[in-house]
């Protein structure tokens, strides 16, 4: 008795090449987007504008502004908390922007290690 093997899909190589081209295009778009996000500035405030942080998409702080009225030598802890809060908000902005814009390229599929 002979076993019946299914016929091989003749377009398999063409489909594989199309998938490879599509993956390369997506990789190029992701790289371009990463560069664009890294070049952007993100600004966050805390304490109603008492502390303002400007950070790059690479999460490097470009500037820190502190309004003089929040500098109280008796309450350094509050100022520290405001600075930490503003930094965390700026980092969150970078990460949310990256995730949102990357999902537009990847169609919502998580690609570990890419971003």
C-alpha atoms as a PDB file:
ATOM      1  CA  UNK A   1       0.000   0.000   0.000  1.00  0.00           C
ATOM      2  CA  UNK A   2       1.340   3.406  -0.926  1.00  0.00           C
ATOM      3  CA  UNK A   3       1.059   6.399   1.345  1.00  0.00           C
ATOM      4  CA  UNK A   4      -0.440   9.473  -0.212  1.00  0.00           C
ATOM      5  CA  UNK A   5       1.616  12.547   0.428  1.00  0.00           C
ATOM      6  CA  UNK A   6       0.011  15.941  -0.003  1.00  0.00           C
ATOM      7  CA  UNK A   7       1.293  17.958  -2.912  1.00  0.00           C
ATOM      8  CA  UNK A   8       3.776  20.580  -1.901  1.00  0.00           C
ATOM      9  CA  UNK A   9       2.692  24.170  -2.208  1.00  0.00           C
ATOM     10  CA  UNK A  10       4.505  25.455  -5.273  1.00  0.00           C
ATOM     11  CA  UNK A  11       4.300  29.055  -4.036  1.00  0.00           C
ATOM     12  CA  UNK A  12       6.060  28.290  -0.747  1.00  0.00           C
ATOM     13  CA  UNK A  13       9.346  29.912  -1.745  1.00  0.00           C
ATOM     14  CA  UNK A  14       7.573  32.968  -3.112  1.00  0.00           C
ATOM     15  CA  UNK A  15       5.501  33.282   0.065  1.00  0.00           C
ATOM     16  CA  UNK A  16       8.646  32.959   2.181  1.00  0.00           C
ATOM     17  CA  UNK A  17      10.408  35.665   0.157  1.00  0.00           C
ATOM     18  CA  UNK A  18       7.391  37.958   0.512  1.00  0.00           C
ATOM     19  CA  UNK A  19       7.383  37.387   4.274  1.00  0.00           C
ATOM     20  CA  UNK A  20      11.100  38.140   4.466  1.00  0.00           C
ATOM     21  CA  UNK A  21      10.621  41.364   2.481  1.00  0.00           C
ATOM     22  CA  UNK A  22       7.724  42.365   4.727  1.00  0.00           C
ATOM     23  CA  UNK A  23       9.762  41.637   7.878  1.00  0.00           C
ATOM     24  CA  UNK A  24      12.696  43.678   6.506  1.00  0.00           C
ATOM     25  CA  UNK A  25      10.361  46.578   5.721  1.00  0.00           C
ATOM     26  CA  UNK A  26       8.920  46.421   9.253  1.00  0.00           C
ATOM     27  CA  UNK A  27      12.429  46.324  10.726  1.00  0.00           C
ATOM     28  CA  UNK A  28      13.409  49.395   8.686  1.00  0.00           C
ATOM     29  CA  UNK A  29      10.269  51.247   9.840  1.00  0.00           C
ATOM     30  CA  UNK A  30      10.950  50.320  13.469  1.00  0.00           C
ATOM     31  CA  UNK A  31      14.560  51.528  13.234  1.00  0.00           C
ATOM     32  CA  UNK A  32      13.463  54.824  11.678  1.00  0.00           C
ATOM     33  CA  UNK A  33      10.808  55.314  14.354  1.00  0.00           C
ATOM     34  CA  UNK A  34      13.281  54.546  17.153  1.00  0.00           C
ATOM     35  CA  UNK A  35      15.663  57.179  15.784  1.00  0.00           C
ATOM     36  CA  UNK A  36      12.839  59.702  15.473  1.00  0.00           C
ATOM     37  CA  UNK A  37      11.620  59.088  19.032  1.00  0.00           C
ATOM     38  CA  UNK A  38      15.174  59.314  20.405  1.00  0.00           C
ATOM     39  CA  UNK A  39      15.522  62.739  18.774  1.00  0.00           C
ATOM     40  CA  UNK A  40      12.293  64.057  20.335  1.00  0.00           C
ATOM     41  CA  UNK A  41      12.005  66.015  23.560  1.00  0.00           C
ATOM     42  CA  UNK A  42       9.455  65.124  26.224  1.00  0.00           C
ATOM     43  CA  UNK A  43       8.464  67.604  28.928  1.00  0.00           C
ATOM     44  CA  UNK A  44       6.766  66.764  32.202  1.00  0.00           C
ATOM     45  CA  UNK A  45       5.842  68.822  35.226  1.00  0.00           C
ATOM     46  CA  UNK A  46       5.065  68.153  38.867  1.00  0.00           C
ATOM     47  CA  UNK A  47       3.601  70.230  41.646  1.00  0.00           C
ATOM     48  CA  UNK A  48       1.431  72.272  39.315  1.00  0.00           C
ATOM     49  CA  UNK A  49       4.418  73.381  37.249  1.00  0.00           C
ATOM     50  CA  UNK A  50       6.762  73.911  40.188  1.00  0.00           C
ATOM     51  CA  UNK A  51       9.230  71.435  38.660  1.00  0.00           C
ATOM     52  CA  UNK A  52       9.641  70.937  34.921  1.00  0.00           C
ATOM     53  CA  UNK A  53      11.794  68.248  33.314  1.00  0.00           C
ATOM     54  CA  UNK A  54      12.722  68.022  29.638  1.00  0.00           C
ATOM     55  CA  UNK A  55      14.024  64.630  28.564  1.00  0.00           C
ATOM     56  CA  UNK A  56      15.071  63.162  25.226  1.00  0.00           C
ATOM     57  CA  UNK A  57      13.615  59.992  23.773  1.00  0.00           C
ATOM     58  CA  UNK A  58      16.835  58.323  24.907  1.00  0.00           C
ATOM     59  CA  UNK A  59      15.750  59.165  28.470  1.00  0.00           C
ATOM     60  CA  UNK A  60      18.520  61.691  28.973  1.00  0.00           C
ATOM     61  CA  UNK A  61      17.538  64.757  30.989  1.00  0.00           C
ATOM     62  CA  UNK A  62      18.131  67.945  28.988  1.00  0.00           C
ATOM     63  CA  UNK A  63      16.858  70.437  31.509  1.00  0.00           C
ATOM     64  CA  UNK A  64      15.416  70.779  34.989  1.00  0.00           C
ATOM     65  CA  UNK A  65      13.570  73.913  36.029  1.00  0.00           C
ATOM     66  CA  UNK A  66      12.574  74.569  39.626  1.00  0.00           C
ATOM     67  CA  UNK A  67      10.433  77.545  40.563  1.00  0.00           C
ATOM     68  CA  UNK A  68      12.060  79.482  43.419  1.00  0.00           C
ATOM     69  CA  UNK A  69       8.928  79.429  45.560  1.00  0.00           C
ATOM     70  CA  UNK A  70       9.168  75.631  46.022  1.00  0.00           C
ATOM     71  CA  UNK A  71      12.710  75.801  47.363  1.00  0.00           C
ATOM     72  CA  UNK A  72      12.201  75.588  51.098  1.00  0.00           C
ATOM     73  CA  UNK A  73      15.313  74.728  53.131  1.00  0.00           C
ATOM     74  CA  UNK A  74      12.969  73.366  55.807  1.00  0.00           C
ATOM     75  CA  UNK A  75      11.320  70.931  53.360  1.00  0.00           C
ATOM     76  CA  UNK A  76      13.956  69.505  51.008  1.00  0.00           C
ATOM     77  CA  UNK A  77      12.060  66.212  50.941  1.00  0.00           C
ATOM     78  CA  UNK A  78       9.089  67.779  49.132  1.00  0.00           C
ATOM     79  CA  UNK A  79      11.373  69.207  46.436  1.00  0.00           C
ATOM     80  CA  UNK A  80      13.042  65.823  45.994  1.00  0.00           C
ATOM     81  CA  UNK A  81       9.630  64.182  45.617  1.00  0.00           C
ATOM     82  CA  UNK A  82       8.591  66.731  42.980  1.00  0.00           C
ATOM     83  CA  UNK A  83      11.778  66.136  40.992  1.00  0.00           C
ATOM     84  CA  UNK A  84      11.380  62.360  41.142  1.00  0.00           C
ATOM     85  CA  UNK A  85       7.732  62.669  40.127  1.00  0.00           C
ATOM     86  CA  UNK A  86       8.555  64.864  37.119  1.00  0.00           C
ATOM     87  CA  UNK A  87      11.333  62.507  35.988  1.00  0.00           C
ATOM     88  CA  UNK A  88       9.064  59.476  36.284  1.00  0.00           C
ATOM     89  CA  UNK A  89       6.343  61.246  34.307  1.00  0.00           C
ATOM     90  CA  UNK A  90       8.795  62.109  31.517  1.00  0.00           C
ATOM     91  CA  UNK A  91      10.042  58.496  31.381  1.00  0.00           C
ATOM     92  CA  UNK A  92       6.434  57.284  31.209  1.00  0.00           C
ATOM     93  CA  UNK A  93       5.767  59.664  28.306  1.00  0.00           C
ATOM     94  CA  UNK A  94       8.759  58.285  26.387  1.00  0.00           C
ATOM     95  CA  UNK A  95       7.714  54.680  27.004  1.00  0.00           C
ATOM     96  CA  UNK A  96       4.028  55.229  26.188  1.00  0.00           C
ATOM     97  CA  UNK A  97       4.876  57.102  22.986  1.00  0.00           C
ATOM     98  CA  UNK A  98       7.293  54.374  21.940  1.00  0.00           C
ATOM     99  CA  UNK A  99       4.792  51.614  22.660  1.00  0.00           C
ATOM    100  CA  UNK A 100       1.893  53.389  20.917  1.00  0.00           C
ATOM    101  CA  UNK A 101       3.835  54.280  17.803  1.00  0.00           C
ATOM    102  CA  UNK A 102       5.551  50.895  17.558  1.00  0.00           C
ATOM    103  CA  UNK A 103       2.193  49.120  17.770  1.00  0.00           C
ATOM    104  CA  UNK A 104       1.100  51.079  14.680  1.00  0.00           C
ATOM    105  CA  UNK A 105       3.969  49.460  12.765  1.00  0.00           C
ATOM    106  CA  UNK A 106       3.748  45.973  14.272  1.00  0.00           C
ATOM    107  CA  UNK A 107      -0.034  45.816  14.325  1.00  0.00           C
ATOM    108  CA  UNK A 108      -0.059  45.368  18.082  1.00  0.00           C
ATOM    109  CA  UNK A 109       2.148  42.261  17.989  1.00  0.00           C
ATOM    110  CA  UNK A 110       4.754  42.360  20.743  1.00  0.00           C
ATOM    111  CA  UNK A 111       8.249  41.824  19.408  1.00  0.00           C
ATOM    112  CA  UNK A 112      10.523  41.201  22.393  1.00  0.00           C
ATOM    113  CA  UNK A 113      13.871  42.902  22.221  1.00  0.00           C
ATOM    114  CA  UNK A 114      12.895  45.491  19.630  1.00  0.00           C
ATOM    115  CA  UNK A 115      11.599  48.191  21.956  1.00  0.00           C
END
